Amino acid sequence: MKNIVLFGPPGAGKGTQAVLLKDKYNLVHISTGDVFRFNIKNETELGKLAKSYIDNGDLVPDEVTIDMLKAEVNSNPDAEGFIFDGFPRTESQAISLDAFLNEKNESINGMVALEVPEDLLVERILNRGKTSGRADDQDVEKIKNRFQEYETKTSILKEYYQNQNKYFGIDGVGSIEEITSRLEKVFDNL
């Protein structure tokens, strides 16, 4: 089984790349953002709770995110592996994910991070906001708050996975095809 954490700041292209790579490697793509948006749109209890945090540009609390992730993994018992997109975002989530996968005699094969300069990320997110209709992608202050959250809480995961020799940084600038090719070289060796 191949379990990959696809990592990077908001706007790095994780979702785009995950969709392309999941088919090639026959993996299930779990995007916490997509799951949260589905729940928000359908006004589930989880969705209402998640929306209150997301609207402020904050991360959804670990326990809510972890329970949702476990349900997604358990609903795919025949999967050959997973691409985790947007999870884990904190060290405690990474530890919980490791423990959960360990119960299934599985582990994370690697964290593959898309590395993109912040000015390009802001431009990408604002452009995405024009077509997606997502309010959080149209407000520069909310975008900057997401970057601050990423830097203070999420970027420490790089060290967590480096300490396990499972961190792989990839240049996330270029055409979609160029970035996919760089990712495939890492995925092929995990």
N, C-alpha and C. Protein backbone atom coordinates (compact mmCIF):
# COMPACT_ATOMS: atom_id res chain seq x y z
N MET A 1 0.85 -1.18 0.00
CA MET A 1 0.00 0.00 0.00
C MET A 1 0.89 1.23 0.00
N LYS A 2 0.49 2.22 -0.78
CA LYS A 2 1.24 3.47 -0.88
C LYS A 2 0.40 4.58 -0.27
N ASN A 3 0.91 5.20 0.79
CA ASN A 3 0.21 6.30 1.46
C ASN A 3 1.10 7.54 1.41
N ILE A 4 0.62 8.56 0.72
CA ILE A 4 1.40 9.77 0.49
C ILE A 4 0.69 10.97 1.09
N VAL A 5 1.45 11.80 1.79
CA VAL A 5 0.95 13.10 2.22
C VAL A 5 1.41 14.09 1.17
N LEU A 6 0.47 14.70 0.47
CA LEU A 6 0.79 15.74 -0.51
C LEU A 6 0.67 17.07 0.22
N PHE A 7 1.76 17.80 0.26
CA PHE A 7 1.90 18.92 1.19
C PHE A 7 2.27 20.20 0.45
N GLY A 8 1.94 21.32 1.06
CA GLY A 8 2.33 22.62 0.54
C GLY A 8 1.37 23.67 1.02
N PRO A 9 1.75 24.92 0.87
CA PRO A 9 0.90 26.02 1.33
C PRO A 9 -0.35 26.15 0.47
N PRO A 10 -1.32 26.94 0.94
CA PRO A 10 -2.52 27.18 0.13
C PRO A 10 -2.13 27.69 -1.25
N GLY A 11 -2.77 27.13 -2.28
CA GLY A 11 -2.52 27.57 -3.66
C GLY A 11 -1.35 26.90 -4.34
N ALA A 12 -0.69 25.95 -3.67
CA ALA A 12 0.50 25.30 -4.25
C ALA A 12 0.15 24.34 -5.40
N GLY A 13 -1.11 23.90 -5.47
CA GLY A 13 -1.51 22.99 -6.54
C GLY A 13 -1.70 21.56 -6.09
N LYS A 14 -1.85 21.36 -4.78
CA LYS A 14 -2.00 20.01 -4.25
C LYS A 14 -3.21 19.30 -4.85
N GLY A 15 -4.35 19.97 -4.87
CA GLY A 15 -5.57 19.35 -5.39
C GLY A 15 -5.45 18.98 -6.85
N THR A 16 -4.91 19.89 -7.63
CA THR A 16 -4.73 19.64 -9.07
C THR A 16 -3.85 18.41 -9.29
N GLN A 17 -2.73 18.37 -8.58
CA GLN A 17 -1.78 17.25 -8.76
C GLN A 17 -2.34 15.94 -8.22
N ALA A 18 -3.05 16.00 -7.11
CA ALA A 18 -3.61 14.78 -6.53
C ALA A 18 -4.57 14.10 -7.50
N VAL A 19 -5.38 14.90 -8.18
CA VAL A 19 -6.34 14.34 -9.14
C VAL A 19 -5.61 13.61 -10.26
N LEU A 20 -4.49 14.17 -10.72
CA LEU A 20 -3.72 13.55 -11.80
C LEU A 20 -3.00 12.28 -11.33
N LEU A 21 -2.46 12.33 -10.11
CA LEU A 21 -1.64 11.22 -9.62
C LEU A 21 -2.46 10.05 -9.08
N LYS A 22 -3.66 10.32 -8.58
CA LYS A 22 -4.45 9.23 -7.98
C LYS A 22 -4.77 8.15 -9.00
N ASP A 23 -5.07 8.55 -10.23
CA ASP A 23 -5.40 7.56 -11.26
C ASP A 23 -4.17 6.75 -11.67
N LYS A 24 -3.05 7.44 -11.87
CA LYS A 24 -1.84 6.73 -12.30
C LYS A 24 -1.41 5.68 -11.27
N TYR A 25 -1.54 5.99 -9.99
CA TYR A 25 -1.06 5.09 -8.95
C TYR A 25 -2.19 4.32 -8.26
N ASN A 26 -3.40 4.48 -8.77
CA ASN A 26 -4.59 3.78 -8.24
C ASN A 26 -4.76 4.02 -6.73
N LEU A 27 -4.71 5.29 -6.37
CA LEU A 27 -4.84 5.70 -4.97
C LEU A 27 -6.15 6.45 -4.78
N VAL A 28 -6.64 6.47 -3.55
CA VAL A 28 -7.82 7.25 -3.19
C VAL A 28 -7.33 8.62 -2.73
N HIS A 29 -7.89 9.66 -3.32
CA HIS A 29 -7.53 11.03 -2.97
C HIS A 29 -8.48 11.52 -1.89
N ILE A 30 -7.93 11.85 -0.73
CA ILE A 30 -8.74 12.41 0.35
C ILE A 30 -8.31 13.85 0.55
N SER A 31 -9.16 14.76 0.12
CA SER A 31 -8.92 16.20 0.29
C SER A 31 -9.80 16.69 1.43
N THR A 32 -9.16 17.09 2.52
CA THR A 32 -9.96 17.59 3.64
C THR A 32 -10.74 18.82 3.22
N GLY A 33 -10.15 19.65 2.37
CA GLY A 33 -10.87 20.83 1.89
C GLY A 33 -12.14 20.47 1.15
N ASP A 34 -12.07 19.47 0.26
CA ASP A 34 -13.26 19.05 -0.49
C ASP A 34 -14.31 18.46 0.45
N VAL A 35 -13.86 17.66 1.42
CA VAL A 35 -14.81 17.06 2.35
C VAL A 35 -15.48 18.14 3.19
N PHE A 36 -14.70 19.12 3.65
CA PHE A 36 -15.29 20.21 4.42
C PHE A 36 -16.27 21.01 3.56
N ARG A 37 -15.89 21.32 2.31
CA ARG A 37 -16.79 22.09 1.44
C ARG A 37 -18.09 21.33 1.18
N PHE A 38 -18.02 20.01 1.00
CA PHE A 38 -19.22 19.20 0.81
C PHE A 38 -20.12 19.33 2.04
N ASN A 39 -19.53 19.18 3.23
CA ASN A 39 -20.30 19.25 4.46
C ASN A 39 -20.87 20.65 4.69
N ILE A 40 -20.12 21.67 4.35
CA ILE A 40 -20.60 23.05 4.49
C ILE A 40 -21.78 23.28 3.56
N LYS A 41 -21.61 22.87 2.31
CA LYS A 41 -22.68 23.07 1.32
C LYS A 41 -23.97 22.36 1.75
N ASN A 42 -23.82 21.17 2.33
CA ASN A 42 -24.98 20.39 2.75
C ASN A 42 -25.41 20.67 4.18
N GLU A 43 -24.76 21.66 4.80
CA GLU A 43 -25.10 22.14 6.14
C GLU A 43 -25.19 21.03 7.18
N THR A 44 -24.23 20.09 7.11
CA THR A 44 -24.15 19.07 8.15
C THR A 44 -23.61 19.72 9.42
N GLU A 45 -23.70 19.00 10.54
CA GLU A 45 -23.16 19.54 11.79
C GLU A 45 -21.66 19.80 11.65
N LEU A 46 -20.94 18.84 11.05
CA LEU A 46 -19.52 19.02 10.83
C LEU A 46 -19.27 20.23 9.93
N GLY A 47 -20.10 20.36 8.91
CA GLY A 47 -19.96 21.48 7.98
C GLY A 47 -20.15 22.82 8.66
N LYS A 48 -21.17 22.93 9.52
CA LYS A 48 -21.41 24.18 10.24
C LYS A 48 -20.25 24.52 11.15
N LEU A 49 -19.74 23.51 11.84
CA LEU A 49 -18.61 23.73 12.74
C LEU A 49 -17.36 24.13 11.94
N ALA A 50 -17.08 23.40 10.88
CA ALA A 50 -15.91 23.71 10.06
C ALA A 50 -16.01 25.11 9.46
N LYS A 51 -17.20 25.50 9.02
CA LYS A 51 -17.40 26.81 8.39
C LYS A 51 -17.05 27.95 9.35
N SER A 52 -17.38 27.78 10.62
CA SER A 52 -17.09 28.85 11.58
C SER A 52 -15.59 29.11 11.69
N TYR A 53 -14.78 28.07 11.55
CA TYR A 53 -13.33 28.24 11.59
C TYR A 53 -12.79 28.74 10.25
N ILE A 54 -13.22 28.12 9.17
CA ILE A 54 -12.73 28.46 7.84
C ILE A 54 -13.04 29.92 7.50
N ASP A 55 -14.23 30.39 7.87
CA ASP A 55 -14.61 31.78 7.58
C ASP A 55 -13.66 32.79 8.21
N ASN A 56 -13.01 32.39 9.31
CA ASN A 56 -12.04 33.27 9.96
C ASN A 56 -10.62 33.02 9.48
N GLY A 57 -10.46 32.09 8.53
CA GLY A 57 -9.14 31.76 8.02
C GLY A 57 -8.35 30.87 8.96
N ASP A 58 -9.06 30.24 9.93
CA ASP A 58 -8.40 29.38 10.90
C ASP A 58 -8.51 27.92 10.48
N LEU A 59 -7.65 27.09 11.07
CA LEU A 59 -7.71 25.66 10.81
C LEU A 59 -8.82 25.02 11.65
N VAL A 60 -9.46 24.02 11.10
CA VAL A 60 -10.49 23.27 11.82
C VAL A 60 -9.78 22.46 12.92
N PRO A 61 -10.36 22.36 14.13
CA PRO A 61 -9.70 21.63 15.22
C PRO A 61 -9.36 20.18 14.85
N ASP A 62 -8.26 19.72 15.43
CA ASP A 62 -7.75 18.39 15.12
C ASP A 62 -8.78 17.28 15.28
N GLU A 63 -9.50 17.27 16.40
CA GLU A 63 -10.40 16.13 16.66
C GLU A 63 -11.48 16.01 15.60
N VAL A 64 -11.98 17.13 15.09
CA VAL A 64 -13.00 17.11 14.04
C VAL A 64 -12.39 16.58 12.74
N THR A 65 -11.22 17.08 12.41
CA THR A 65 -10.55 16.68 11.17
C THR A 65 -10.16 15.21 11.22
N ILE A 66 -9.62 14.75 12.34
CA ILE A 66 -9.18 13.36 12.46
C ILE A 66 -10.35 12.39 12.36
N ASP A 67 -11.44 12.69 13.02
CA ASP A 67 -12.62 11.81 12.93
C ASP A 67 -13.13 11.72 11.50
N MET A 68 -13.13 12.85 10.82
CA MET A 68 -13.58 12.87 9.43
C MET A 68 -12.64 12.05 8.55
N LEU A 69 -11.35 12.18 8.76
CA LEU A 69 -10.36 11.45 7.97
C LEU A 69 -10.48 9.94 8.20
N LYS A 70 -10.62 9.53 9.43
CA LYS A 70 -10.78 8.09 9.73
C LYS A 70 -11.99 7.52 9.01
N ALA A 71 -13.07 8.26 9.01
CA ALA A 71 -14.29 7.80 8.33
C ALA A 71 -14.04 7.64 6.83
N GLU A 72 -13.31 8.57 6.24
CA GLU A 72 -13.00 8.49 4.81
C GLU A 72 -12.13 7.28 4.49
N VAL A 73 -11.09 7.05 5.29
CA VAL A 73 -10.22 5.89 5.06
C VAL A 73 -11.01 4.59 5.24
N ASN A 74 -11.78 4.51 6.30
CA ASN A 74 -12.55 3.29 6.58
C ASN A 74 -13.63 3.03 5.53
N SER A 75 -14.08 4.06 4.83
CA SER A 75 -15.09 3.86 3.79
C SER A 75 -14.47 3.36 2.47
N ASN A 76 -13.15 3.18 2.45
CA ASN A 76 -12.45 2.68 1.26
C ASN A 76 -11.56 1.48 1.65
N PRO A 77 -12.18 0.37 2.12
CA PRO A 77 -11.39 -0.76 2.64
C PRO A 77 -10.54 -1.47 1.59
N ASP A 78 -10.90 -1.33 0.31
CA ASP A 78 -10.15 -2.03 -0.74
C ASP A 78 -9.12 -1.14 -1.42
N ALA A 79 -8.88 0.03 -0.88
CA ALA A 79 -7.93 0.97 -1.50
C ALA A 79 -6.52 0.41 -1.51
N GLU A 80 -5.78 0.76 -2.57
CA GLU A 80 -4.37 0.37 -2.66
C GLU A 80 -3.47 1.40 -2.01
N GLY A 81 -4.07 2.45 -1.53
CA GLY A 81 -3.33 3.51 -0.85
C GLY A 81 -4.08 4.81 -0.95
N PHE A 82 -3.52 5.84 -0.32
CA PHE A 82 -4.20 7.13 -0.24
C PHE A 82 -3.24 8.27 -0.52
N ILE A 83 -3.78 9.32 -1.12
CA ILE A 83 -3.11 10.61 -1.19
C ILE A 83 -3.86 11.50 -0.22
N PHE A 84 -3.17 11.91 0.84
CA PHE A 84 -3.76 12.81 1.82
C PHE A 84 -3.41 14.24 1.43
N ASP A 85 -4.43 14.99 1.08
CA ASP A 85 -4.28 16.36 0.57
C ASP A 85 -4.91 17.31 1.59
N GLY A 86 -4.07 18.08 2.27
CA GLY A 86 -4.58 18.99 3.29
C GLY A 86 -4.60 18.36 4.68
N PHE A 87 -4.00 17.19 4.80
CA PHE A 87 -3.92 16.50 6.08
C PHE A 87 -2.69 15.62 6.07
N PRO A 88 -1.92 15.57 7.14
CA PRO A 88 -2.08 16.34 8.38
C PRO A 88 -1.61 17.78 8.21
N ARG A 89 -2.09 18.63 9.10
CA ARG A 89 -1.69 20.04 9.10
C ARG A 89 -0.96 20.44 10.37
N THR A 90 -0.98 19.58 11.36
CA THR A 90 -0.27 19.85 12.60
C THR A 90 0.48 18.58 13.01
N GLU A 91 1.45 18.74 13.89
CA GLU A 91 2.20 17.58 14.35
C GLU A 91 1.29 16.59 15.07
N SER A 92 0.34 17.09 15.85
CA SER A 92 -0.56 16.16 16.55
C SER A 92 -1.42 15.38 15.56
N GLN A 93 -1.82 16.01 14.44
CA GLN A 93 -2.56 15.28 13.41
C GLN A 93 -1.66 14.21 12.77
N ALA A 94 -0.39 14.53 12.55
CA ALA A 94 0.54 13.56 11.95
C ALA A 94 0.72 12.37 12.88
N ILE A 95 0.85 12.64 14.17
CA ILE A 95 1.00 11.56 15.15
C ILE A 95 -0.27 10.70 15.17
N SER A 96 -1.44 11.34 15.13
CA SER A 96 -2.71 10.60 15.10
C SER A 96 -2.85 9.78 13.83
N LEU A 97 -2.43 10.34 12.70
CA LEU A 97 -2.49 9.60 11.43
C LEU A 97 -1.57 8.39 11.49
N ASP A 98 -0.35 8.58 12.01
CA ASP A 98 0.58 7.45 12.13
C ASP A 98 -0.02 6.35 13.01
N ALA A 99 -0.62 6.73 14.14
CA ALA A 99 -1.21 5.75 15.05
C ALA A 99 -2.37 5.02 14.38
N PHE A 100 -3.22 5.77 13.68
CA PHE A 100 -4.37 5.18 12.99
C PHE A 100 -3.91 4.19 11.92
N LEU A 101 -2.93 4.58 11.10
CA LEU A 101 -2.43 3.69 10.05
C LEU A 101 -1.71 2.49 10.65
N ASN A 102 -1.01 2.71 11.75
CA ASN A 102 -0.32 1.61 12.42
C ASN A 102 -1.30 0.53 12.88
N GLU A 103 -2.49 0.95 13.33
CA GLU A 103 -3.53 -0.02 13.71
C GLU A 103 -3.93 -0.90 12.54
N LYS A 104 -3.73 -0.39 11.32
CA LYS A 104 -4.07 -1.13 10.10
C LYS A 104 -2.82 -1.77 9.48
N ASN A 105 -1.72 -1.78 10.24
CA ASN A 105 -0.42 -2.28 9.76
C ASN A 105 0.05 -1.54 8.51
N GLU A 106 -0.19 -0.26 8.48
CA GLU A 106 0.21 0.61 7.37
C GLU A 106 1.00 1.78 7.92
N SER A 107 1.57 2.58 7.02
CA SER A 107 2.30 3.78 7.41
C SER A 107 2.31 4.77 6.25
N ILE A 108 2.79 5.95 6.54
CA ILE A 108 3.00 6.96 5.50
C ILE A 108 4.31 6.62 4.80
N ASN A 109 4.28 6.53 3.47
CA ASN A 109 5.50 6.26 2.71
C ASN A 109 6.34 7.52 2.55
N GLY A 110 5.66 8.66 2.43
CA GLY A 110 6.41 9.90 2.27
C GLY A 110 5.51 11.11 2.26
N MET A 111 6.10 12.24 2.64
CA MET A 111 5.46 13.54 2.49
C MET A 111 6.14 14.20 1.30
N VAL A 112 5.34 14.52 0.29
CA VAL A 112 5.85 15.17 -0.90
C VAL A 112 5.31 16.60 -0.90
N ALA A 113 6.22 17.56 -0.82
CA ALA A 113 5.83 18.96 -0.64
C ALA A 113 6.07 19.78 -1.90
N LEU A 114 5.03 20.49 -2.32
CA LEU A 114 5.15 21.45 -3.41
C LEU A 114 5.64 22.77 -2.83
N GLU A 115 6.78 23.22 -3.30
CA GLU A 115 7.39 24.45 -2.79
C GLU A 115 7.22 25.56 -3.82
N VAL A 116 6.51 26.64 -3.41
CA VAL A 116 6.16 27.75 -4.30
C VAL A 116 6.33 29.07 -3.54
N PRO A 117 6.93 30.10 -4.17
CA PRO A 117 7.07 31.40 -3.50
C PRO A 117 5.70 32.02 -3.16
N GLU A 118 5.63 32.74 -2.02
CA GLU A 118 4.36 33.27 -1.52
C GLU A 118 3.69 34.24 -2.50
N ASP A 119 4.47 35.09 -3.17
CA ASP A 119 3.84 36.06 -4.09
C ASP A 119 3.10 35.35 -5.22
N LEU A 120 3.65 34.27 -5.72
CA LEU A 120 2.99 33.49 -6.77
C LEU A 120 1.75 32.79 -6.22
N LEU A 121 1.82 32.33 -4.96
CA LEU A 121 0.68 31.68 -4.33
C LEU A 121 -0.50 32.63 -4.20
N VAL A 122 -0.24 33.87 -3.76
CA VAL A 122 -1.32 34.86 -3.63
C VAL A 122 -1.99 35.07 -4.98
N GLU A 123 -1.17 35.21 -6.02
CA GLU A 123 -1.71 35.40 -7.37
C GLU A 123 -2.57 34.21 -7.80
N ARG A 124 -2.08 33.00 -7.55
CA ARG A 124 -2.84 31.79 -7.91
C ARG A 124 -4.18 31.74 -7.18
N ILE A 125 -4.15 32.03 -5.87
CA ILE A 125 -5.38 31.93 -5.07
C ILE A 125 -6.39 32.98 -5.51
N LEU A 126 -5.94 34.21 -5.76
CA LEU A 126 -6.86 35.25 -6.21
C LEU A 126 -7.48 34.87 -7.56
N ASN A 127 -6.69 34.29 -8.45
CA ASN A 127 -7.22 33.83 -9.74
C ASN A 127 -8.21 32.69 -9.55
N ARG A 128 -7.90 31.78 -8.64
CA ARG A 128 -8.83 30.68 -8.34
C ARG A 128 -10.13 31.24 -7.78
N GLY A 129 -10.04 32.27 -6.95
CA GLY A 129 -11.22 32.88 -6.36
C GLY A 129 -12.17 33.48 -7.38
N LYS A 130 -11.63 33.94 -8.51
CA LYS A 130 -12.46 34.52 -9.57
C LYS A 130 -13.34 33.45 -10.22
N THR A 131 -12.86 32.22 -10.27
CA THR A 131 -13.62 31.16 -10.94
C THR A 131 -14.33 30.22 -9.98
N SER A 132 -13.79 30.08 -8.75
CA SER A 132 -14.36 29.10 -7.81
C SER A 132 -15.56 29.65 -7.05
N GLY A 133 -15.60 30.98 -6.89
CA GLY A 133 -16.65 31.58 -6.08
C GLY A 133 -16.38 31.47 -4.59
N ARG A 134 -15.23 30.90 -4.21
CA ARG A 134 -14.89 30.76 -2.80
C ARG A 134 -14.51 32.12 -2.23
N ALA A 135 -15.26 32.57 -1.22
CA ALA A 135 -15.02 33.89 -0.62
C ALA A 135 -13.63 33.96 0.01
N ASP A 136 -13.16 32.84 0.59
CA ASP A 136 -11.85 32.86 1.25
C ASP A 136 -10.70 32.96 0.25
N ASP A 137 -10.98 32.78 -1.05
CA ASP A 137 -9.96 32.93 -2.09
C ASP A 137 -9.99 34.31 -2.74
N GLN A 138 -10.86 35.19 -2.26
CA GLN A 138 -11.01 36.51 -2.88
C GLN A 138 -10.60 37.65 -1.95
N ASP A 139 -10.19 37.33 -0.75
CA ASP A 139 -9.86 38.32 0.26
C ASP A 139 -8.38 38.18 0.63
N VAL A 140 -7.57 39.19 0.26
CA VAL A 140 -6.12 39.12 0.47
C VAL A 140 -5.79 38.94 1.95
N GLU A 141 -6.52 39.60 2.84
CA GLU A 141 -6.24 39.46 4.27
C GLU A 141 -6.49 38.04 4.76
N LYS A 142 -7.57 37.41 4.29
CA LYS A 142 -7.84 36.02 4.68
C LYS A 142 -6.77 35.08 4.11
N ILE A 143 -6.33 35.38 2.89
CA ILE A 143 -5.27 34.57 2.27
C ILE A 143 -4.00 34.69 3.11
N LYS A 144 -3.65 35.90 3.50
CA LYS A 144 -2.43 36.09 4.30
C LYS A 144 -2.56 35.42 5.67
N ASN A 145 -3.77 35.43 6.23
CA ASN A 145 -3.99 34.74 7.50
C ASN A 145 -3.77 33.24 7.33
N ARG A 146 -4.20 32.68 6.20
CA ARG A 146 -3.99 31.26 5.93
C ARG A 146 -2.50 30.94 5.83
N PHE A 147 -1.73 31.85 5.20
CA PHE A 147 -0.28 31.65 5.12
C PHE A 147 0.35 31.69 6.50
N GLN A 148 -0.12 32.62 7.34
CA GLN A 148 0.41 32.72 8.70
C GLN A 148 0.10 31.45 9.49
N GLU A 149 -1.14 30.96 9.36
CA GLU A 149 -1.52 29.69 10.01
C GLU A 149 -0.62 28.56 9.50
N TYR A 150 -0.39 28.53 8.19
CA TYR A 150 0.45 27.49 7.58
C TYR A 150 1.85 27.56 8.17
N GLU A 151 2.43 28.74 8.21
CA GLU A 151 3.80 28.89 8.68
C GLU A 151 3.94 28.52 10.16
N THR A 152 2.98 28.95 10.99
CA THR A 152 3.14 28.72 12.43
C THR A 152 2.75 27.32 12.86
N LYS A 153 1.80 26.70 12.18
CA LYS A 153 1.30 25.39 12.64
C LYS A 153 1.66 24.24 11.72
N THR A 154 1.71 24.49 10.43
CA THR A 154 1.80 23.40 9.47
C THR A 154 3.22 23.15 8.98
N SER A 155 3.99 24.19 8.78
CA SER A 155 5.32 23.99 8.20
C SER A 155 6.23 23.16 9.10
N ILE A 156 5.91 23.06 10.40
CA ILE A 156 6.72 22.23 11.29
C ILE A 156 6.64 20.75 10.92
N LEU A 157 5.66 20.39 10.11
CA LEU A 157 5.56 18.99 9.68
C LEU A 157 6.74 18.59 8.80
N LYS A 158 7.34 19.57 8.15
CA LYS A 158 8.53 19.27 7.33
C LYS A 158 9.57 18.58 8.20
N GLU A 159 9.85 19.15 9.37
CA GLU A 159 10.84 18.57 10.28
C GLU A 159 10.38 17.20 10.78
N TYR A 160 9.08 17.07 11.08
CA TYR A 160 8.54 15.80 11.57
C TYR A 160 8.84 14.67 10.58
N TYR A 161 8.56 14.92 9.28
CA TYR A 161 8.80 13.88 8.28
C TYR A 161 10.27 13.78 7.89
N GLN A 162 11.04 14.88 7.96
CA GLN A 162 12.47 14.80 7.70
C GLN A 162 13.14 13.88 8.72
N ASN A 163 12.70 13.96 9.97
CA ASN A 163 13.27 13.11 11.01
C ASN A 163 13.01 11.63 10.76
N GLN A 164 12.05 11.31 9.91
CA GLN A 164 11.74 9.92 9.55
C GLN A 164 12.28 9.59 8.15
N ASN A 165 13.04 10.52 7.56
CA ASN A 165 13.55 10.37 6.18
C ASN A 165 12.42 10.16 5.18
N LYS A 166 11.30 10.88 5.39
CA LYS A 166 10.13 10.73 4.54
C LYS A 166 9.71 12.05 3.91
N TYR A 167 10.56 13.07 3.93
CA TYR A 167 10.21 14.37 3.37
C TYR A 167 10.89 14.54 2.02
N PHE A 168 10.08 14.96 1.01
CA PHE A 168 10.59 15.18 -0.34
C PHE A 168 10.06 16.50 -0.87
N GLY A 169 10.91 17.50 -0.98
CA GLY A 169 10.51 18.81 -1.50
C GLY A 169 10.60 18.84 -3.01
N ILE A 170 9.56 19.36 -3.64
CA ILE A 170 9.47 19.42 -5.10
C ILE A 170 9.22 20.87 -5.52
N ASP A 171 9.90 21.32 -6.57
CA ASP A 171 9.66 22.65 -7.12
C ASP A 171 8.24 22.69 -7.69
N GLY A 172 7.39 23.54 -7.11
CA GLY A 172 5.99 23.63 -7.52
C GLY A 172 5.72 24.74 -8.51
N VAL A 173 6.76 25.23 -9.19
CA VAL A 173 6.60 26.29 -10.18
C VAL A 173 6.82 25.70 -11.56
N GLY A 174 5.93 26.04 -12.48
CA GLY A 174 6.03 25.54 -13.86
C GLY A 174 4.66 25.11 -14.34
N SER A 175 4.65 24.44 -15.47
CA SER A 175 3.38 23.97 -16.01
C SER A 175 2.88 22.80 -15.16
N ILE A 176 1.60 22.53 -15.25
CA ILE A 176 1.02 21.39 -14.52
C ILE A 176 1.76 20.11 -14.89
N GLU A 177 2.06 19.94 -16.18
CA GLU A 177 2.74 18.73 -16.65
C GLU A 177 4.15 18.62 -16.08
N GLU A 178 4.88 19.75 -16.02
CA GLU A 178 6.24 19.73 -15.48
C GLU A 178 6.24 19.33 -14.00
N ILE A 179 5.29 19.89 -13.26
CA ILE A 179 5.20 19.59 -11.83
C ILE A 179 4.79 18.13 -11.63
N THR A 180 3.84 17.65 -12.43
CA THR A 180 3.42 16.24 -12.34
C THR A 180 4.60 15.33 -12.59
N SER A 181 5.42 15.63 -13.58
CA SER A 181 6.58 14.81 -13.90
C SER A 181 7.55 14.76 -12.73
N ARG A 182 7.77 15.89 -12.06
CA ARG A 182 8.66 15.92 -10.89
C ARG A 182 8.08 15.05 -9.76
N LEU A 183 6.76 15.15 -9.57
CA LEU A 183 6.11 14.36 -8.52
C LEU A 183 6.19 12.86 -8.83
N GLU A 184 5.98 12.49 -10.08
CA GLU A 184 6.02 11.08 -10.47
C GLU A 184 7.38 10.45 -10.16
N LYS A 185 8.45 11.22 -10.34
CA LYS A 185 9.79 10.68 -10.05
C LYS A 185 9.92 10.31 -8.58
N VAL A 186 9.29 11.08 -7.70
CA VAL A 186 9.31 10.76 -6.27
C VAL A 186 8.35 9.62 -5.97
N PHE A 187 7.12 9.71 -6.48
CA PHE A 187 6.13 8.66 -6.22
C PHE A 187 6.63 7.28 -6.66
N ASP A 188 7.33 7.23 -7.80
CA ASP A 188 7.81 5.95 -8.31
C ASP A 188 8.76 5.25 -7.35
N ASN A 189 9.42 6.04 -6.50
CA ASN A 189 10.42 5.47 -5.58
C ASN A 189 9.93 5.31 -4.15
N LEU A 190 8.67 5.60 -3.91
CA LEU A 190 8.13 5.45 -2.55
C LEU A 190 7.48 4.09 -2.37
